[in-house]
Protein backbone atom coordinates (compact mmCIF):
# COMPACT_ATOMS: atom_id res chain seq x y z
CA MET A 1 -11.96 11.51 19.64
CA ASP A 2 -10.18 7.97 20.74
CA THR A 3 -6.70 7.52 21.15
CA LYS A 4 -4.68 5.96 18.21
CA LYS A 5 -2.49 2.99 19.15
CA ILE A 6 0.69 3.11 17.25
CA LEU A 7 3.18 -0.03 17.26
CA VAL A 8 7.60 1.31 16.43
CA VAL A 9 8.94 -1.44 15.01
CA ASP A 10 12.76 -0.98 15.25
CA ASP A 11 16.22 -2.58 16.73
CA GLU A 12 17.20 0.77 17.87
CA PRO A 13 16.83 1.97 21.13
CA ASP A 14 17.62 5.47 20.47
CA ILE A 15 15.44 5.56 17.32
CA VAL A 16 12.37 3.33 19.35
CA GLU A 17 12.69 6.40 22.15
CA LEU A 18 13.07 9.19 20.00
CA ALA A 19 9.34 7.77 17.76
CA SER A 20 8.04 7.24 21.00
CA TYR A 21 8.47 9.88 23.39
CA ASN A 22 7.43 12.01 20.66
CA LEU A 23 4.18 10.73 19.30
CA ARG A 24 3.28 10.03 22.81
CA LYS A 25 3.62 13.64 23.42
CA GLU A 26 1.33 14.56 20.68
CA GLY A 27 -1.24 12.13 21.96
CA PHE A 28 -0.53 9.03 20.76
CA ASP A 29 -0.49 5.41 22.68
CA VAL A 30 2.76 4.16 22.08
CA SER A 31 4.26 0.51 22.00
CA SER A 32 7.16 -0.99 20.51
CA ALA A 33 8.98 -4.19 19.57
CA SER A 34 12.39 -4.50 18.26
CA ASP A 35 12.56 -7.76 15.95
CA GLY A 36 9.95 -9.60 13.46
CA GLU A 37 8.76 -11.82 15.66
CA GLU A 38 8.09 -9.82 18.50
CA ALA A 39 6.22 -7.00 16.25
CA LEU A 40 3.95 -9.86 14.72
CA ARG A 41 2.78 -11.16 17.93
CA LYS A 42 1.85 -7.92 19.59
CA ILE A 43 -0.30 -7.23 15.84
CA ARG A 44 -1.57 -9.67 16.34
CA ALA A 45 -2.56 -10.49 19.81
CA GLY A 46 -3.19 -6.37 19.75
CA SER A 47 -5.95 -3.62 17.50
CA TYR A 48 -3.19 -1.15 16.52
CA ASP A 49 -4.21 1.72 14.09
CA LEU A 50 -0.82 1.68 12.39
CA VAL A 51 2.38 0.40 12.61
CA ILE A 52 5.73 2.18 12.12
CA LEU A 53 8.17 -0.72 10.93
CA ASP A 54 12.14 -0.99 9.56
CA ILE A 55 12.84 -2.37 6.90
CA MET A 56 16.33 -3.60 8.38
CA LEU A 57 15.67 -6.22 11.66
CA PRO A 58 16.50 -9.12 13.35
CA GLY A 59 15.01 -12.51 12.30
CA ILE A 60 11.86 -11.05 9.84
CA GLN A 61 12.46 -8.52 7.83
CA GLY A 62 10.32 -5.55 7.77
CA THR A 63 9.68 -6.06 3.71
CA GLU A 64 8.45 -9.51 4.65
CA ILE A 65 7.06 -8.55 7.76
CA CYS A 66 4.15 -6.33 5.35
CA ARG A 67 3.84 -8.64 2.71
CA ILE A 68 2.32 -11.06 5.62
CA LEU A 69 0.26 -8.61 7.10
CA ARG A 70 -1.34 -8.02 3.30
CA SER A 71 -2.17 -11.46 2.45
CA ASP A 72 -3.99 -11.83 5.96
CA PRO A 73 -7.28 -10.13 6.31
CA LYS A 74 -7.51 -9.68 9.72
CA THR A 75 -4.32 -7.37 9.15
CA GLN A 76 -4.75 -6.41 5.54
CA LYS A 77 -5.51 -2.94 6.26
CA LEU A 78 -3.82 -1.93 8.69
CA PRO A 79 -1.75 1.28 7.90
CA VAL A 80 2.14 0.75 7.87
CA ILE A 81 4.47 3.18 7.25
CA MET A 82 7.91 1.99 6.56
CA LEU A 83 11.02 4.08 8.41
CA THR A 84 14.57 3.69 7.47
CA ALA A 85 18.01 4.04 6.70
CA LYS A 86 17.79 2.93 3.34
CA GLY A 87 17.09 5.86 1.20
CA GLU A 88 17.74 4.87 -2.31
CA GLU A 89 14.71 4.79 -5.13
CA ILE A 90 14.66 1.00 -5.04
CA ASP A 91 14.16 0.40 -1.84
CA LYS A 92 10.83 2.85 -1.54
CA ILE A 93 9.67 1.64 -4.55
CA VAL A 94 10.34 -1.93 -2.66
CA GLY A 95 8.85 -1.03 0.10
CA LEU A 96 5.45 0.43 -1.32
CA GLU A 97 4.82 -2.41 -4.01
CA ILE A 98 4.33 -4.77 -0.86
CA GLY A 99 1.57 -2.46 0.31
CA ALA A 100 3.19 -0.22 2.42
CA ASP A 101 1.17 3.34 2.58
CA ASP A 102 4.40 5.72 3.62
CA TYR A 103 8.12 5.91 3.55
CA MET A 104 10.40 7.89 5.81
CA THR A 105 14.19 7.82 6.07
CA LYS A 106 16.65 8.06 9.02
CA PRO A 107 17.53 10.46 10.05
CA PHE A 108 13.83 11.90 10.82
CA SER A 109 11.73 14.91 12.00
CA PRO A 110 9.61 13.62 14.79
CA ARG A 111 7.23 16.34 14.15
CA GLU A 112 6.90 15.01 10.46
CA LEU A 113 6.21 11.48 11.50
CA ALA A 114 3.74 12.73 13.75
CA ALA A 115 2.37 14.68 10.66
CA ARG A 116 2.78 12.01 8.02
CA ILE A 117 0.74 9.47 10.50
CA ARG A 118 -2.07 11.56 10.91
CA ALA A 119 -2.35 12.24 6.88
CA VAL A 120 -2.47 8.20 7.01
CA LEU A 121 -4.70 7.29 9.36
CA ARG A 122 -7.11 10.75 7.75
CA ARG A 123 -7.08 9.12 4.22
CA GLY A 124 -8.02 5.80 5.78
CA ALA A 125 -11.02 7.34 7.46
CA GLU A 126 -12.10 9.14 4.85
CA GLU A 127 -12.17 5.99 2.15
CA PRO A 128 -15.72 5.01 1.52
CA ARG A 129 -17.16 1.86 2.16
CA LYS A 130 -17.49 0.24 -1.48
CA GLU A 131 -19.47 -2.84 -2.37
CA PRO A 132 -17.49 -6.14 -1.15
CA ILE A 133 -17.20 -7.50 -4.86
CA ILE A 134 -16.73 -5.51 -8.05
CA ARG A 135 -17.16 -7.88 -11.22
CA VAL A 136 -16.19 -6.91 -14.69
CA LYS A 137 -16.41 -9.89 -17.22
CA ASP A 138 -14.30 -12.84 -15.99
CA LEU A 139 -12.88 -11.31 -13.47
CA VAL A 140 -13.66 -11.00 -10.17
CA ILE A 141 -12.49 -7.92 -7.58
CA ASN A 142 -13.64 -9.30 -3.87
CA LEU A 143 -11.98 -5.25 -1.94
CA ASP A 144 -12.52 -7.06 1.30
CA THR A 145 -9.77 -9.81 1.13
CA TYR A 146 -7.91 -7.28 -1.80
CA THR A 147 -8.06 -10.41 -4.00
CA VAL A 148 -8.69 -10.74 -7.94
CA SER A 149 -9.55 -13.93 -9.60
CA LYS A 150 -10.33 -14.74 -13.00
CA GLU A 151 -12.76 -17.26 -14.28
CA GLY A 152 -12.18 -18.72 -10.65
CA ALA A 153 -8.87 -18.92 -10.22
CA PRO A 154 -6.94 -16.69 -8.09
CA LEU A 155 -4.58 -14.12 -9.68
CA ASP A 156 -1.49 -13.00 -8.06
CA LEU A 157 -1.29 -9.45 -8.41
CA SER A 158 1.21 -6.62 -6.77
CA ALA A 159 -0.95 -4.13 -4.09
CA THR A 160 0.21 -1.46 -6.91
CA GLU A 161 -1.56 -3.66 -9.74
CA PHE A 162 -4.43 -4.51 -7.75
CA ARG A 163 -4.45 -0.48 -6.92
CA LEU A 164 -4.43 0.47 -10.71
CA LEU A 165 -7.00 -2.02 -11.29
CA LEU A 166 -9.55 -1.18 -9.46
CA TYR A 167 -8.72 3.04 -9.91
CA LEU A 168 -9.86 2.04 -13.41
CA VAL A 169 -12.33 -0.49 -13.11
CA GLU A 170 -14.79 1.66 -11.14
CA ARG A 171 -14.06 4.59 -13.53
CA ARG A 172 -14.73 2.19 -16.54
CA GLY A 173 -15.25 4.76 -19.91
CA LYS A 174 -12.63 7.01 -18.18
CA VAL A 175 -9.65 7.77 -19.79
CA PHE A 176 -6.45 8.56 -17.66
CA SER A 177 -3.41 9.68 -18.25
CA ARG A 178 -0.36 8.47 -16.93
CA GLU A 179 0.27 11.87 -14.33
CA GLN A 180 -3.76 11.48 -13.36
CA LEU A 181 -2.76 7.76 -12.78
CA LEU A 182 0.23 8.66 -10.71
CA ASP A 183 -1.52 11.34 -8.76
CA ALA A 184 -4.35 9.02 -7.79
CA VAL A 185 -2.53 5.31 -7.81
CA TRP A 186 0.80 6.38 -6.12
CA LYS A 187 -0.47 9.49 -4.40
CA ASP A 188 2.44 12.22 -3.49
CA GLU A 189 5.14 9.48 -4.35
CA GLY A 190 7.76 11.91 -6.27
CA PHE A 191 10.27 9.75 -7.44
CA VAL A 192 8.13 7.95 -9.87
CA GLU A 193 8.28 8.46 -13.09
CA PRO A 194 5.67 8.60 -15.62
CA ARG A 195 7.06 5.08 -17.47
CA THR A 196 6.32 3.31 -14.01
CA VAL A 197 2.72 3.53 -15.06
CA ASP A 198 3.53 1.75 -18.52
CA VAL A 199 5.32 -0.60 -16.73
CA HIS A 200 2.49 -1.77 -14.35
CA ILE A 201 0.13 -1.55 -16.95
CA ARG A 202 2.50 -4.48 -18.88
CA ARG A 203 2.21 -6.27 -16.00
CA LEU A 204 -0.79 -6.10 -15.19
CA ARG A 205 -1.83 -6.83 -18.92
CA ALA A 206 0.00 -10.35 -18.81
CA ARG A 207 -1.54 -11.38 -15.70
CA ILE A 208 -5.35 -10.37 -17.08
CA GLU A 209 -5.33 -10.69 -20.30
CA GLU A 210 -5.69 -13.89 -22.34
CA ASP A 211 -3.82 -12.15 -25.07
CA ALA A 212 -1.97 -8.51 -23.72
CA ALA A 213 -1.34 -7.49 -27.52
CA ASN A 214 -4.67 -7.42 -27.52
CA PRO A 215 -6.42 -6.44 -24.50
CA VAL A 216 -9.88 -6.80 -23.26
CA TYR A 217 -9.94 -5.23 -19.86
CA ILE A 218 -7.75 -2.11 -20.24
CA LYS A 219 -7.44 -0.55 -23.53
CA THR A 220 -4.81 2.39 -24.54
CA LYS A 221 -6.05 5.35 -26.17
CA ARG A 222 -3.32 6.22 -28.79
CA GLY A 223 -1.22 9.29 -27.01
CA ILE A 224 -3.89 9.85 -23.80
CA GLY A 225 -3.60 7.26 -21.45
CA TYR A 226 -5.82 4.16 -20.19
CA TYR A 227 -9.18 3.14 -19.72
CA VAL A 228 -11.40 0.38 -19.11
CA ASP A 229 -14.14 0.25 -21.55
CA ALA A 230 -17.67 1.30 -19.73
CA GLY A 231 -19.38 -1.80 -22.21
CA ILE A 232 -17.99 -5.05 -20.07
């Protein structure tokens, strides 16, 4: 088995030392960066399997680094775990919304961090290769660039909106409850409430539908959930 390369990005030397020491004991090849600029340089120059990214950094903030990584085809699939002292729900939502794969707060358990890393890496390895282009009426979903366009015009979707749309499109004809969509799209994020699904469906409809009140793509089965019609 090849040794997985991990980049720890944090401006607190004690945190970097704690994470690096314990992850090396777990068999990972660990490098570090103390600010956003250094992190981006190392990511672009190297070949990492996962990045542990603090939100509050000198220079470029961790959230902005994550956005940059997700917007670049070369790094958009690079797994990112947010590691930060911020623990409020809104901070977790922001981190996951911009494309982070997981979220941990300081102080953290080194053993839990290693377990989370393995879980994220395993999840990525288990994802089957899909056809790179999916067409649904006027929508084109590109799995290589994680982009969606309508009639040739790019649509500005968040990472969660993209995953939600893709999940429904790939399972056309099947109706999913809010709870099922939470389990599938938000995975194990226990703080997310079912109403969050409704909020994201409304946002998604506003971006992809001509008339959000009379949707063509994402329909509602009253009292049950949401679906994409199998006939489109």
